[in-house]
Each structure stands twice: as structure tokens, then as C-alpha cells.
């Protein structure tokens, strides 16, 4: 075989291999709760984190699939729609490989300042009417779970905006959930037609520390590659720069 032909074949194979790697699609299941995941425009703080991770892995092309948390768990365990699940907490019933802790939350209790509630400990929540996010009793510790089960005025809701609305309208005394979601709701949701709600009208009760969730992968090799990027980001402060840019509390 002529030398130039061998070179041409070698070059063609190299181009084909490189193109194939570059076009490898990774489908990522994410929720839809601003400001972390925003379906319109594929935006959000955590979307930005994922995008930055995969910029370091250009051989992969990512696609986002927005779905409920329960659907994400089903798909990563038994389905075919996604390769990666986002926002998976340690201890979740998930048959996949978890990354380093990645996505940061700060769950708090929030009340109206005008109600003058003294909430310094979880025990102080007893007897108050509470709107919490779905699954809060499984994530906020045994003391909180015991309080919630004994409290007839405790309820959980699938959409964070519902917990905000219930507290703002006086139907609940306390809203429990991530503080950044609450502040986003106040800034972007017009709960009355005339003006936005002033966040200074509320008291934030810091009852829990920061918590982190993970990405979960069906493929161990991809998970390992992503994990190395996450570790590097933590060393360089990349993650904190993203969170600081968005003024996350």
C-alpha cells in the first residue's frame, strides 16, 4: 500500500475517533426549582456548576432532562432516559455511583417578623403551623422528624413556591426550606400585584448547617472523571466563585 494512502487512512481514523468521542452524549436528569435549576433557557446556579465541570471534559456533550425528583430516582435506578442524576442526597435509595459532595443548600426556618416567634431550636417549632418541602422529615434529622410527626399542623409540599405562599398569606407560621429559594421567590414572584415583598419583613432561624447533594452516575468511568474535576475545582475555589457570584447564603 502506498505510503500516502496509509497516511490518509490513519488521518481518517484519527478524525473519526476524535469526532466520535467529541459527540458522546451524556443525558443528565435535573429538577426544576429556581434559582438552582431553571428549565427555561437551561439556566440556574447548579446548571452553571455542571456546565463548568463538563467544559473540562470536552469529549462529552451534555443534554439536560428536567423532571421531578421521584422521576429522577426512578430513571437512574431503572429507566433508560438518563445517564446521570443530579441532586442526590447521601442515603438515598439509588443504585448508582455518587460523586464528591457538590451542590450546596442551607435549610432554614422562616417566619414573619411581625409574628415575633422565638425559634432558637427545633423543639421551639412544636405547636406552630409549618409548611416544609417534600421529604424534609427524612433529611432534617431525627429530632425534626419526631416533632413533625407529632404536629398536626405540619405539612409538606412538592413545590417550594407553595411553602412560601402559605407562610406569606398567614396560612402557616413557618416556612422550612432552602433560604436561597425563598429569597429568589421574593425577588421574582409577585405575591401581590403592586410590589415585591421586602425580605427584611422576615426572620431567618438558622437551625441546620449547610448540606450537600451529589451527582449519581450509571457509568463508573465517567463518574471517576467528573470526580477528579470536582476535586480540582474545590482546590482552586472554582465552586465558591460560582456560589459567591450568585450571592448564595
C-alpha atoms as a PDB file:
ATOM      1  CA  UNK A   1       0.000   0.000   0.000  1.00  0.00           C
ATOM      2  CA  UNK A   2       1.397   3.409  -0.960  1.00  0.00           C
ATOM      3  CA  UNK A   3       2.684   5.457   1.945  1.00  0.00           C
ATOM      4  CA  UNK A   4       0.427   8.438   1.214  1.00  0.00           C
ATOM      5  CA  UNK A   5      -2.620   6.140   1.249  1.00  0.00           C
ATOM      6  CA  UNK A   6      -1.626   4.682   4.620  1.00  0.00           C
ATOM      7  CA  UNK A   7      -1.243   8.212   5.979  1.00  0.00           C
ATOM      8  CA  UNK A   8      -4.634   9.184   4.590  1.00  0.00           C
ATOM      9  CA  UNK A   9      -6.313   6.169   6.214  1.00  0.00           C
ATOM     10  CA  UNK A  10      -4.565   6.869   9.519  1.00  0.00           C
ATOM     11  CA  UNK A  11      -5.674  10.501   9.414  1.00  0.00           C
ATOM     12  CA  UNK A  12      -9.251   9.499   8.580  1.00  0.00           C
ATOM     13  CA  UNK A  13      -9.361   7.073  11.504  1.00  0.00           C
ATOM     14  CA  UNK A  14      -7.958   9.704  13.833  1.00  0.00           C
ATOM     15  CA  UNK A  15     -10.552  12.265  12.751  1.00  0.00           C
ATOM     16  CA  UNK A  16     -13.355   9.700  13.041  1.00  0.00           C
ATOM     17  CA  UNK A  17     -12.241   8.635  16.532  1.00  0.00           C
ATOM     18  CA  UNK A  18     -11.902  12.228  17.748  1.00  0.00           C
ATOM     19  CA  UNK A  19     -15.300  13.163  16.335  1.00  0.00           C
ATOM     20  CA  UNK A  20     -16.937  10.119  17.903  1.00  0.00           C
ATOM     21  CA  UNK A  21     -15.526  10.972  21.318  1.00  0.00           C
ATOM     22  CA  UNK A  22     -16.500  14.626  20.996  1.00  0.00           C
ATOM     23  CA  UNK A  23     -20.047  13.648  20.130  1.00  0.00           C
ATOM     24  CA  UNK A  24     -20.586  11.243  23.032  1.00  0.00           C
ATOM     25  CA  UNK A  25     -23.856  12.392  24.573  1.00  0.00           C
ATOM     26  CA  UNK A  26     -24.473  12.314  28.315  1.00  0.00           C
ATOM     27  CA  UNK A  27     -28.083  12.791  29.377  1.00  0.00           C
ATOM     28  CA  UNK A  28     -28.439  14.431  32.786  1.00  0.00           C
ATOM     29  CA  UNK A  29     -31.639  14.358  34.829  1.00  0.00           C
ATOM     30  CA  UNK A  30     -32.243  17.559  36.803  1.00  0.00           C
ATOM     31  CA  UNK A  31     -35.093  19.119  38.764  1.00  0.00           C
ATOM     32  CA  UNK A  32     -36.791  22.417  38.006  1.00  0.00           C
ATOM     33  CA  UNK A  33     -36.644  24.706  41.032  1.00  0.00           C
ATOM     34  CA  UNK A  34     -35.108  28.159  40.691  1.00  0.00           C
ATOM     35  CA  UNK A  35     -32.567  29.509  41.324  1.00  0.00           C
ATOM     36  CA  UNK A  36     -30.733  26.167  41.182  1.00  0.00           C
ATOM     37  CA  UNK A  37     -32.307  24.515  38.135  1.00  0.00           C
ATOM     38  CA  UNK A  38     -34.311  26.612  35.664  1.00  0.00           C
ATOM     39  CA  UNK A  39     -35.772  24.774  32.691  1.00  0.00           C
ATOM     40  CA  UNK A  40     -36.360  27.844  30.547  1.00  0.00           C
ATOM     41  CA  UNK A  41     -33.037  28.517  28.902  1.00  0.00           C
ATOM     42  CA  UNK A  42     -31.212  25.701  30.739  1.00  0.00           C
ATOM     43  CA  UNK A  43     -30.109  28.103  33.461  1.00  0.00           C
ATOM     44  CA  UNK A  44     -29.543  28.098  37.203  1.00  0.00           C
ATOM     45  CA  UNK A  45     -26.714  28.031  39.721  1.00  0.00           C
ATOM     46  CA  UNK A  46     -26.319  24.255  39.693  1.00  0.00           C
ATOM     47  CA  UNK A  47     -26.647  24.127  35.892  1.00  0.00           C
ATOM     48  CA  UNK A  48     -23.728  26.555  35.777  1.00  0.00           C
ATOM     49  CA  UNK A  49     -21.719  24.244  38.031  1.00  0.00           C
ATOM     50  CA  UNK A  50     -22.413  21.235  35.782  1.00  0.00           C
ATOM     51  CA  UNK A  51     -21.606  23.193  32.622  1.00  0.00           C
ATOM     52  CA  UNK A  52     -18.279  24.253  34.117  1.00  0.00           C
ATOM     53  CA  UNK A  53     -17.439  20.660  35.042  1.00  0.00           C
ATOM     54  CA  UNK A  54     -18.064  19.358  31.548  1.00  0.00           C
ATOM     55  CA  UNK A  55     -16.077  22.177  29.964  1.00  0.00           C
ATOM     56  CA  UNK A  56     -13.129  20.304  31.397  1.00  0.00           C
ATOM     57  CA  UNK A  57     -14.327  17.114  29.674  1.00  0.00           C
ATOM     58  CA  UNK A  58     -14.862  18.263  26.068  1.00  0.00           C
ATOM     59  CA  UNK A  59     -15.200  14.710  24.784  1.00  0.00           C
ATOM     60  CA  UNK A  60     -18.722  14.701  26.218  1.00  0.00           C
ATOM     61  CA  UNK A  61     -21.784  16.595  25.057  1.00  0.00           C
ATOM     62  CA  UNK A  62     -24.399  17.049  27.781  1.00  0.00           C
ATOM     63  CA  UNK A  63     -28.156  17.233  27.461  1.00  0.00           C
ATOM     64  CA  UNK A  64     -30.475  18.222  30.326  1.00  0.00           C
ATOM     65  CA  UNK A  65     -33.752  16.459  31.002  1.00  0.00           C
ATOM     66  CA  UNK A  66     -35.954  18.269  33.530  1.00  0.00           C
ATOM     67  CA  UNK A  67     -38.158  16.069  35.701  1.00  0.00           C
ATOM     68  CA  UNK A  68     -39.408  15.579  39.248  1.00  0.00           C
ATOM     69  CA  UNK A  69     -37.085  14.269  41.959  1.00  0.00           C
ATOM     70  CA  UNK A  70     -39.011  10.998  42.178  1.00  0.00           C
ATOM     71  CA  UNK A  71     -38.740  10.539  38.401  1.00  0.00           C
ATOM     72  CA  UNK A  72     -35.001  11.229  38.525  1.00  0.00           C
ATOM     73  CA  UNK A  73     -34.566   8.460  41.121  1.00  0.00           C
ATOM     74  CA  UNK A  74     -36.642   6.059  39.054  1.00  0.00           C
ATOM     75  CA  UNK A  75     -34.716   6.774  35.859  1.00  0.00           C
ATOM     76  CA  UNK A  76     -31.247   6.458  37.381  1.00  0.00           C
ATOM     77  CA  UNK A  77     -32.232   3.182  39.055  1.00  0.00           C
ATOM     78  CA  UNK A  78     -34.414   1.504  36.454  1.00  0.00           C
ATOM     79  CA  UNK A  79     -35.017   3.752  33.456  1.00  0.00           C
ATOM     80  CA  UNK A  80     -33.301   4.422  30.149  1.00  0.00           C
ATOM     81  CA  UNK A  81     -33.762   8.176  29.773  1.00  0.00           C
ATOM     82  CA  UNK A  82     -30.750   9.462  31.715  1.00  0.00           C
ATOM     83  CA  UNK A  83     -27.120   8.571  32.339  1.00  0.00           C
ATOM     84  CA  UNK A  84     -26.658  10.926  35.284  1.00  0.00           C
ATOM     85  CA  UNK A  85     -28.939  12.053  38.119  1.00  0.00           C
ATOM     86  CA  UNK A  86     -28.397  15.381  39.846  1.00  0.00           C
ATOM     87  CA  UNK A  87     -29.152  16.481  43.365  1.00  0.00           C
ATOM     88  CA  UNK A  88     -28.961  13.062  45.003  1.00  0.00           C
ATOM     89  CA  UNK A  89     -28.516  13.092  48.772  1.00  0.00           C
ATOM     90  CA  UNK A  90     -26.402  10.612  50.713  1.00  0.00           C
ATOM     91  CA  UNK A  91     -28.563   7.810  51.982  1.00  0.00           C
ATOM     92  CA  UNK A  92     -30.951   7.950  49.036  1.00  0.00           C
ATOM     93  CA  UNK A  93     -32.092   4.625  47.629  1.00  0.00           C
ATOM     94  CA  UNK A  94     -30.048   4.966  44.458  1.00  0.00           C
ATOM     95  CA  UNK A  95     -28.244   2.222  42.541  1.00  0.00           C
ATOM     96  CA  UNK A  96     -25.518   4.389  41.025  1.00  0.00           C
ATOM     97  CA  UNK A  97     -22.084   5.861  41.686  1.00  0.00           C
ATOM     98  CA  UNK A  98     -22.080   9.091  43.722  1.00  0.00           C
ATOM     99  CA  UNK A  99     -19.588  11.894  43.238  1.00  0.00           C
ATOM    100  CA  UNK A 100     -17.993  14.030  45.898  1.00  0.00           C
ATOM    101  CA  UNK A 101     -20.484  16.340  47.683  1.00  0.00           C
ATOM    102  CA  UNK A 102     -21.243  19.077  45.174  1.00  0.00           C
ATOM    103  CA  UNK A 103     -24.495  21.067  45.323  1.00  0.00           C
ATOM    104  CA  UNK A 104     -24.866  23.230  48.435  1.00  0.00           C
ATOM    105  CA  UNK A 105     -28.064  24.064  50.341  1.00  0.00           C
ATOM    106  CA  UNK A 106     -28.926  25.915  53.535  1.00  0.00           C
ATOM    107  CA  UNK A 107     -32.253  24.836  55.003  1.00  0.00           C
ATOM    108  CA  UNK A 108     -33.718  27.312  57.476  1.00  0.00           C
ATOM    109  CA  UNK A 109     -36.983  28.125  59.202  1.00  0.00           C
ATOM    110  CA  UNK A 110     -38.503  31.480  58.214  1.00  0.00           C
ATOM    111  CA  UNK A 111     -41.251  33.415  59.972  1.00  0.00           C
ATOM    112  CA  UNK A 112     -42.798  36.855  59.663  1.00  0.00           C
ATOM    113  CA  UNK A 113     -41.079  39.402  61.874  1.00  0.00           C
ATOM    114  CA  UNK A 114     -44.481  40.753  62.891  1.00  0.00           C
ATOM    115  CA  UNK A 115     -45.372  37.392  64.497  1.00  0.00           C
ATOM    116  CA  UNK A 116     -42.434  37.714  66.909  1.00  0.00           C
ATOM    117  CA  UNK A 117     -41.835  33.981  67.112  1.00  0.00           C
ATOM    118  CA  UNK A 118     -38.863  32.801  69.145  1.00  0.00           C
ATOM    119  CA  UNK A 119     -37.385  29.850  67.284  1.00  0.00           C
ATOM    120  CA  UNK A 120     -33.899  29.031  68.530  1.00  0.00           C
ATOM    121  CA  UNK A 121     -34.108  25.251  68.483  1.00  0.00           C
ATOM    122  CA  UNK A 122     -36.061  22.557  66.662  1.00  0.00           C
ATOM    123  CA  UNK A 123     -38.084  21.981  69.835  1.00  0.00           C
ATOM    124  CA  UNK A 124     -39.402  25.554  69.517  1.00  0.00           C
ATOM    125  CA  UNK A 125     -41.214  24.509  66.327  1.00  0.00           C
ATOM    126  CA  UNK A 126     -43.618  22.299  68.280  1.00  0.00           C
ATOM    127  CA  UNK A 127     -47.165  23.604  68.079  1.00  0.00           C
ATOM    128  CA  UNK A 128     -46.517  26.024  65.204  1.00  0.00           C
ATOM    129  CA  UNK A 129     -48.092  25.571  61.781  1.00  0.00           C
ATOM    130  CA  UNK A 130     -45.354  24.610  59.348  1.00  0.00           C
ATOM    131  CA  UNK A 131     -45.040  24.347  55.558  1.00  0.00           C
ATOM    132  CA  UNK A 132     -41.969  22.333  54.533  1.00  0.00           C
ATOM    133  CA  UNK A 133     -40.610  20.904  51.316  1.00  0.00           C
ATOM    134  CA  UNK A 134     -41.355  17.348  50.274  1.00  0.00           C
ATOM    135  CA  UNK A 135     -39.079  14.889  52.071  1.00  0.00           C
ATOM    136  CA  UNK A 136     -37.974  17.296  54.808  1.00  0.00           C
ATOM    137  CA  UNK A 137     -38.720  14.784  57.568  1.00  0.00           C
ATOM    138  CA  UNK A 138     -36.192  12.388  56.036  1.00  0.00           C
ATOM    139  CA  UNK A 139     -33.438  14.961  55.643  1.00  0.00           C
ATOM    140  CA  UNK A 140     -33.542  17.271  58.664  1.00  0.00           C
ATOM    141  CA  UNK A 141     -32.704  14.840  61.426  1.00  0.00           C
ATOM    142  CA  UNK A 142     -34.468  12.606  63.921  1.00  0.00           C
ATOM    143  CA  UNK A 143     -35.488  15.422  66.286  1.00  0.00           C
ATOM    144  CA  UNK A 144     -37.195  17.289  63.460  1.00  0.00           C
ATOM    145  CA  UNK A 145     -38.891  14.104  62.273  1.00  0.00           C
ATOM    146  CA  UNK A 146     -40.254  13.418  65.740  1.00  0.00           C
ATOM    147  CA  UNK A 147     -41.554  16.997  66.023  1.00  0.00           C
ATOM    148  CA  UNK A 148     -43.196  16.859  62.581  1.00  0.00           C
ATOM    149  CA  UNK A 149     -44.967  13.555  63.258  1.00  0.00           C
ATOM    150  CA  UNK A 150     -46.399  14.928  66.499  1.00  0.00           C
ATOM    151  CA  UNK A 151     -47.504  18.204  64.902  1.00  0.00           C
ATOM    152  CA  UNK A 152     -50.959  18.093  63.297  1.00  0.00           C
ATOM    153  CA  UNK A 153     -50.278  21.483  61.702  1.00  0.00           C
ATOM    154  CA  UNK A 154     -47.202  20.277  59.808  1.00  0.00           C
ATOM    155  CA  UNK A 155     -47.408  19.703  56.033  1.00  0.00           C
ATOM    156  CA  UNK A 156     -45.028  19.059  53.145  1.00  0.00           C
ATOM    157  CA  UNK A 157     -45.339  20.400  49.605  1.00  0.00           C
ATOM    158  CA  UNK A 158     -43.815  19.407  46.266  1.00  0.00           C
ATOM    159  CA  UNK A 159     -43.165  22.965  45.076  1.00  0.00           C
ATOM    160  CA  UNK A 160     -41.113  25.392  47.215  1.00  0.00           C
ATOM    161  CA  UNK A 161     -43.168  28.356  45.984  1.00  0.00           C
ATOM    162  CA  UNK A 162     -46.203  26.791  47.698  1.00  0.00           C
ATOM    163  CA  UNK A 163     -44.470  26.828  51.076  1.00  0.00           C
ATOM    164  CA  UNK A 164     -43.546  30.474  50.544  1.00  0.00           C
ATOM    165  CA  UNK A 165     -47.098  31.357  49.578  1.00  0.00           C
ATOM    166  CA  UNK A 166     -48.610  29.595  52.606  1.00  0.00           C
ATOM    167  CA  UNK A 167     -46.355  31.482  55.002  1.00  0.00           C
ATOM    168  CA  UNK A 168     -46.833  34.854  53.287  1.00  0.00           C
ATOM    169  CA  UNK A 169     -50.614  34.549  53.332  1.00  0.00           C
ATOM    170  CA  UNK A 170     -50.655  33.642  57.023  1.00  0.00           C
ATOM    171  CA  UNK A 171     -51.943  30.117  56.485  1.00  0.00           C
ATOM    172  CA  UNK A 172     -48.715  28.823  58.021  1.00  0.00           C
ATOM    173  CA  UNK A 173     -46.491  30.345  60.703  1.00  0.00           C
ATOM    174  CA  UNK A 174     -43.231  28.831  59.474  1.00  0.00           C
ATOM    175  CA  UNK A 175     -41.723  28.052  56.089  1.00  0.00           C
ATOM    176  CA  UNK A 176     -38.961  25.447  56.105  1.00  0.00           C
ATOM    177  CA  UNK A 177     -36.637  25.081  53.165  1.00  0.00           C
ATOM    178  CA  UNK A 178     -33.599  26.480  51.409  1.00  0.00           C
ATOM    179  CA  UNK A 179     -33.017  30.172  52.093  1.00  0.00           C
ATOM    180  CA  UNK A 180     -31.826  30.924  48.555  1.00  0.00           C
ATOM    181  CA  UNK A 181     -35.027  29.542  47.040  1.00  0.00           C
ATOM    182  CA  UNK A 182     -37.035  31.718  49.431  1.00  0.00           C
ATOM    183  CA  UNK A 183     -35.096  34.873  48.531  1.00  0.00           C
ATOM    184  CA  UNK A 184     -35.469  34.062  44.838  1.00  0.00           C
ATOM    185  CA  UNK A 185     -39.219  33.685  45.297  1.00  0.00           C
ATOM    186  CA  UNK A 186     -39.485  37.079  46.980  1.00  0.00           C
ATOM    187  CA  UNK A 187     -37.488  38.739  44.223  1.00  0.00           C
ATOM    188  CA  UNK A 188     -39.122  37.066  41.243  1.00  0.00           C
ATOM    189  CA  UNK A 189     -42.656  36.121  42.279  1.00  0.00           C
ATOM    190  CA  UNK A 190     -45.206  38.915  42.685  1.00  0.00           C
ATOM    191  CA  UNK A 191     -47.343  37.668  45.549  1.00  0.00           C
ATOM    192  CA  UNK A 192     -49.311  40.886  45.346  1.00  0.00           C
ATOM    193  CA  UNK A 193     -49.838  42.942  42.216  1.00  0.00           C
ATOM    194  CA  UNK A 194     -48.336  46.188  43.393  1.00  0.00           C
ATOM    195  CA  UNK A 195     -44.873  45.500  44.754  1.00  0.00           C
ATOM    196  CA  UNK A 196     -42.351  42.868  45.646  1.00  0.00           C
ATOM    197  CA  UNK A 197     -42.135  41.626  49.208  1.00  0.00           C
ATOM    198  CA  UNK A 198     -39.360  43.132  51.354  1.00  0.00           C
ATOM    199  CA  UNK A 199     -37.145  40.351  52.711  1.00  0.00           C
ATOM    200  CA  UNK A 200     -36.490  42.471  55.822  1.00  0.00           C
ATOM    201  CA  UNK A 201     -40.022  41.673  56.999  1.00  0.00           C
ATOM    202  CA  UNK A 202     -38.947  38.137  57.868  1.00  0.00           C
ATOM    203  CA  UNK A 203     -36.794  36.410  60.465  1.00  0.00           C
ATOM    204  CA  UNK A 204     -34.444  33.639  59.375  1.00  0.00           C
ATOM    205  CA  UNK A 205     -33.939  30.951  62.016  1.00  0.00           C
ATOM    206  CA  UNK A 206     -30.693  29.083  61.299  1.00  0.00           C
ATOM    207  CA  UNK A 207     -31.444  25.652  62.761  1.00  0.00           C
ATOM    208  CA  UNK A 208     -29.379  23.455  60.423  1.00  0.00           C
ATOM    209  CA  UNK A 209     -25.882  23.510  58.896  1.00  0.00           C
ATOM    210  CA  UNK A 210     -25.118  23.518  55.186  1.00  0.00           C
ATOM    211  CA  UNK A 211     -25.923  20.270  53.391  1.00  0.00           C
ATOM    212  CA  UNK A 212     -24.623  18.957  50.084  1.00  0.00           C
ATOM    213  CA  UNK A 213     -26.020  16.676  47.424  1.00  0.00           C
ATOM    214  CA  UNK A 214     -24.275  14.687  44.704  1.00  0.00           C
ATOM    215  CA  UNK A 215     -24.371  13.681  41.071  1.00  0.00           C
ATOM    216  CA  UNK A 216     -25.087   9.969  40.515  1.00  0.00           C
ATOM    217  CA  UNK A 217     -23.693   8.096  37.503  1.00  0.00           C
ATOM    218  CA  UNK A 218     -24.561   4.792  35.914  1.00  0.00           C
ATOM    219  CA  UNK A 219     -21.056   4.634  34.438  1.00  0.00           C
ATOM    220  CA  UNK A 220     -18.164   4.348  36.906  1.00  0.00           C
ATOM    221  CA  UNK A 221     -15.533   5.615  34.459  1.00  0.00           C
ATOM    222  CA  UNK A 222     -17.442   8.830  33.774  1.00  0.00           C
ATOM    223  CA  UNK A 223     -18.137   9.319  37.463  1.00  0.00           C
ATOM    224  CA  UNK A 224     -14.416   8.988  38.213  1.00  0.00           C
ATOM    225  CA  UNK A 225     -13.521  11.572  35.562  1.00  0.00           C
ATOM    226  CA  UNK A 226     -16.123  14.022  36.896  1.00  0.00           C
ATOM    227  CA  UNK A 227     -14.958  13.409  40.463  1.00  0.00           C
ATOM    228  CA  UNK A 228     -11.414  14.439  39.551  1.00  0.00           C
ATOM    229  CA  UNK A 229     -12.736  17.694  38.101  1.00  0.00           C
ATOM    230  CA  UNK A 230     -14.787  18.364  41.247  1.00  0.00           C
ATOM    231  CA  UNK A 231     -11.743  17.790  43.473  1.00  0.00           C
ATOM    232  CA  UNK A 232      -9.707  20.170  41.329  1.00  0.00           C
ATOM    233  CA  UNK A 233     -12.473  22.792  41.495  1.00  0.00           C
ATOM    234  CA  UNK A 234     -12.525  22.572  45.274  1.00  0.00           C
ATOM    235  CA  UNK A 235      -8.773  23.070  45.477  1.00  0.00           C
ATOM    236  CA  UNK A 236      -8.927  26.082  43.155  1.00  0.00           C
ATOM    237  CA  UNK A 237     -12.049  27.573  44.738  1.00  0.00           C
ATOM    238  CA  UNK A 238     -13.986  27.380  41.455  1.00  0.00           C
ATOM    239  CA  UNK A 239     -17.173  26.245  43.146  1.00  0.00           C
ATOM    240  CA  UNK A 240     -17.058  29.025  45.727  1.00  0.00           C
ATOM    241  CA  UNK A 241     -16.565  31.599  42.991  1.00  0.00           C
ATOM    242  CA  UNK A 242     -19.770  30.434  41.300  1.00  0.00           C
ATOM    243  CA  UNK A 243     -21.717  30.464  44.571  1.00  0.00           C
ATOM    244  CA  UNK A 244     -20.332  33.875  45.540  1.00  0.00           C
ATOM    245  CA  UNK A 245     -21.205  35.335  42.140  1.00  0.00           C
ATOM    246  CA  UNK A 246     -24.830  34.407  42.750  1.00  0.00           C
ATOM    247  CA  UNK A 247     -24.683  35.718  46.339  1.00  0.00           C
ATOM    248  CA  UNK A 248     -25.723  32.383  47.775  1.00  0.00           C
ATOM    249  CA  UNK A 249     -26.196  32.387  51.531  1.00  0.00           C
END
